[in-house]
Amino acid sequence: MFRGITNKRMTKLWKNKAPMKIRILMWLPIQDRLQTTVNLKKKKWKGNRNCCLYGIPQTTEHIFFICELAKTVWACFKRG
């Protein structure tokens, strides 16, 4: 709840029966709180912000959906 506005997506997330670890993992990217290299650079991190496999900035979208490694992991979940 923020200034009287209820975020229905967040309400559904927290009422979900998934394990707390999964709910937190889902909450982090929604709130842009995942420790991606792009977000770490905003905090003056000195490391390389690019993906070691593709050389493009490591954003939340890249980690979860674009990177071939992520696609392989998601494919494993779809099978099981």
C-alpha atoms as a PDB file:
ATOM      1  CA  MET A   1       0.000   0.000   0.000  1.00  0.00           C
ATOM      2  CA  PHE A   2       1.396   3.369  -0.966  1.00  0.00           C
ATOM      3  CA  ARG A   3      -0.477   6.582  -0.176  1.00  0.00           C
ATOM      4  CA  GLY A   4      -3.823   4.821  -0.147  1.00  0.00           C
ATOM      5  CA  ILE A   5      -3.241   2.937  -3.399  1.00  0.00           C
ATOM      6  CA  THR A   6      -3.261  -0.852  -3.182  1.00  0.00           C
ATOM      7  CA  ASN A   7      -1.092  -2.772  -5.618  1.00  0.00           C
ATOM      8  CA  LYS A   8      -3.224  -5.818  -6.478  1.00  0.00           C
ATOM      9  CA  ARG A   9      -0.273  -7.650  -8.010  1.00  0.00           C
ATOM     10  CA  MET A  10       1.675  -7.397  -4.750  1.00  0.00           C
ATOM     11  CA  THR A  11      -1.362  -8.469  -2.720  1.00  0.00           C
ATOM     12  CA  LYS A  12      -1.734 -11.583  -4.874  1.00  0.00           C
ATOM     13  CA  LEU A  13       1.992 -12.277  -4.617  1.00  0.00           C
ATOM     14  CA  TRP A  14       2.067 -12.189  -0.818  1.00  0.00           C
ATOM     15  CA  LYS A  15      -1.165 -14.195  -0.433  1.00  0.00           C
ATOM     16  CA  ASN A  16       0.160 -16.866  -2.813  1.00  0.00           C
ATOM     17  CA  LYS A  17       0.887 -20.265  -1.262  1.00  0.00           C
ATOM     18  CA  ALA A  18       4.321 -20.518  -2.864  1.00  0.00           C
ATOM     19  CA  PRO A  19       7.260 -20.835  -0.455  1.00  0.00           C
ATOM     20  CA  MET A  20       8.467 -17.524   0.968  1.00  0.00           C
ATOM     21  CA  LYS A  21      11.801 -17.843  -0.899  1.00  0.00           C
ATOM     22  CA  ILE A  22       9.931 -17.972  -4.211  1.00  0.00           C
ATOM     23  CA  ARG A  23       7.700 -15.030  -3.302  1.00  0.00           C
ATOM     24  CA  ILE A  24      10.756 -12.956  -2.383  1.00  0.00           C
ATOM     25  CA  LEU A  25      12.505 -14.000  -5.610  1.00  0.00           C
ATOM     26  CA  MET A  26       9.430 -12.785  -7.515  1.00  0.00           C
ATOM     27  CA  TRP A  27       9.212  -9.555  -5.484  1.00  0.00           C
ATOM     28  CA  LEU A  28      12.833  -8.500  -6.095  1.00  0.00           C
ATOM     29  CA  PRO A  29      12.633  -8.000  -9.886  1.00  0.00           C
ATOM     30  CA  ILE A  30       9.149  -6.453  -9.698  1.00  0.00           C
ATOM     31  CA  GLN A  31      10.533  -3.791  -7.353  1.00  0.00           C
ATOM     32  CA  ASP A  32      13.814  -3.498  -9.340  1.00  0.00           C
ATOM     33  CA  ARG A  33      15.718  -4.568  -6.216  1.00  0.00           C
ATOM     34  CA  LEU A  34      17.575  -7.503  -7.749  1.00  0.00           C
ATOM     35  CA  GLN A  35      21.346  -7.079  -7.448  1.00  0.00           C
ATOM     36  CA  THR A  36      22.065  -6.944 -11.161  1.00  0.00           C
ATOM     37  CA  THR A  37      25.322  -5.419 -12.308  1.00  0.00           C
ATOM     38  CA  VAL A  38      23.378  -2.452 -13.702  1.00  0.00           C
ATOM     39  CA  ASN A  39      21.825  -1.789 -10.274  1.00  0.00           C
ATOM     40  CA  LEU A  40      25.167  -2.315  -8.535  1.00  0.00           C
ATOM     41  CA  LYS A  41      26.791   0.266 -10.838  1.00  0.00           C
ATOM     42  CA  LYS A  42      24.222   2.796  -9.587  1.00  0.00           C
ATOM     43  CA  LYS A  43      25.704   2.166  -6.132  1.00  0.00           C
ATOM     44  CA  LYS A  44      29.257   2.897  -7.362  1.00  0.00           C
ATOM     45  CA  TRP A  45      30.235  -0.789  -7.762  1.00  0.00           C
ATOM     46  CA  LYS A  46      33.549  -1.067  -9.591  1.00  0.00           C
ATOM     47  CA  GLY A  47      33.005  -4.386 -11.410  1.00  0.00           C
ATOM     48  CA  ASN A  48      32.078  -5.004 -15.047  1.00  0.00           C
ATOM     49  CA  ARG A  49      28.366  -4.419 -15.694  1.00  0.00           C
ATOM     50  CA  ASN A  50      28.197  -6.663 -18.760  1.00  0.00           C
ATOM     51  CA  CYS A  51      27.152 -10.313 -18.927  1.00  0.00           C
ATOM     52  CA  CYS A  52      30.241 -12.514 -19.132  1.00  0.00           C
ATOM     53  CA  LEU A  53      28.595 -14.603 -21.887  1.00  0.00           C
ATOM     54  CA  TYR A  54      27.126 -11.894 -24.132  1.00  0.00           C
ATOM     55  CA  GLY A  55      28.882  -8.649 -23.231  1.00  0.00           C
ATOM     56  CA  ILE A  56      25.622  -6.733 -22.826  1.00  0.00           C
ATOM     57  CA  PRO A  57      24.422  -5.014 -19.633  1.00  0.00           C
ATOM     58  CA  GLN A  58      23.145  -7.494 -17.061  1.00  0.00           C
ATOM     59  CA  THR A  59      19.603  -6.282 -16.366  1.00  0.00           C
ATOM     60  CA  THR A  60      16.741  -8.130 -14.687  1.00  0.00           C
ATOM     61  CA  GLU A  61      15.223  -8.876 -18.092  1.00  0.00           C
ATOM     62  CA  HIS A  62      18.532 -10.271 -19.327  1.00  0.00           C
ATOM     63  CA  ILE A  63      19.003 -12.493 -16.273  1.00  0.00           C
ATOM     64  CA  PHE A  64      15.489 -13.956 -16.333  1.00  0.00           C
ATOM     65  CA  PHE A  65      14.479 -13.988 -20.004  1.00  0.00           C
ATOM     66  CA  ILE A  66      17.141 -13.031 -22.576  1.00  0.00           C
ATOM     67  CA  CYS A  67      20.255 -14.960 -21.518  1.00  0.00           C
ATOM     68  CA  GLU A  68      20.476 -18.440 -23.072  1.00  0.00           C
ATOM     69  CA  LEU A  69      21.435 -19.848 -19.678  1.00  0.00           C
ATOM     70  CA  ALA A  70      18.175 -18.471 -18.240  1.00  0.00           C
ATOM     71  CA  LYS A  71      16.203 -19.922 -21.141  1.00  0.00           C
ATOM     72  CA  THR A  72      17.756 -23.328 -20.437  1.00  0.00           C
ATOM     73  CA  VAL A  73      16.820 -23.124 -16.757  1.00  0.00           C
ATOM     74  CA  TRP A  74      13.223 -22.108 -17.584  1.00  0.00           C
ATOM     75  CA  ALA A  75      12.999 -24.980 -20.096  1.00  0.00           C
ATOM     76  CA  CYS A  76      13.999 -27.411 -17.319  1.00  0.00           C
ATOM     77  CA  PHE A  77      11.145 -26.089 -15.154  1.00  0.00           C
ATOM     78  CA  LYS A  78       8.647 -26.490 -18.002  1.00  0.00           C
ATOM     79  CA  ARG A  79       9.545 -30.177 -18.396  1.00  0.00           C
ATOM     80  CA  GLY A  80       9.205 -31.061 -14.711  1.00  0.00           C
END
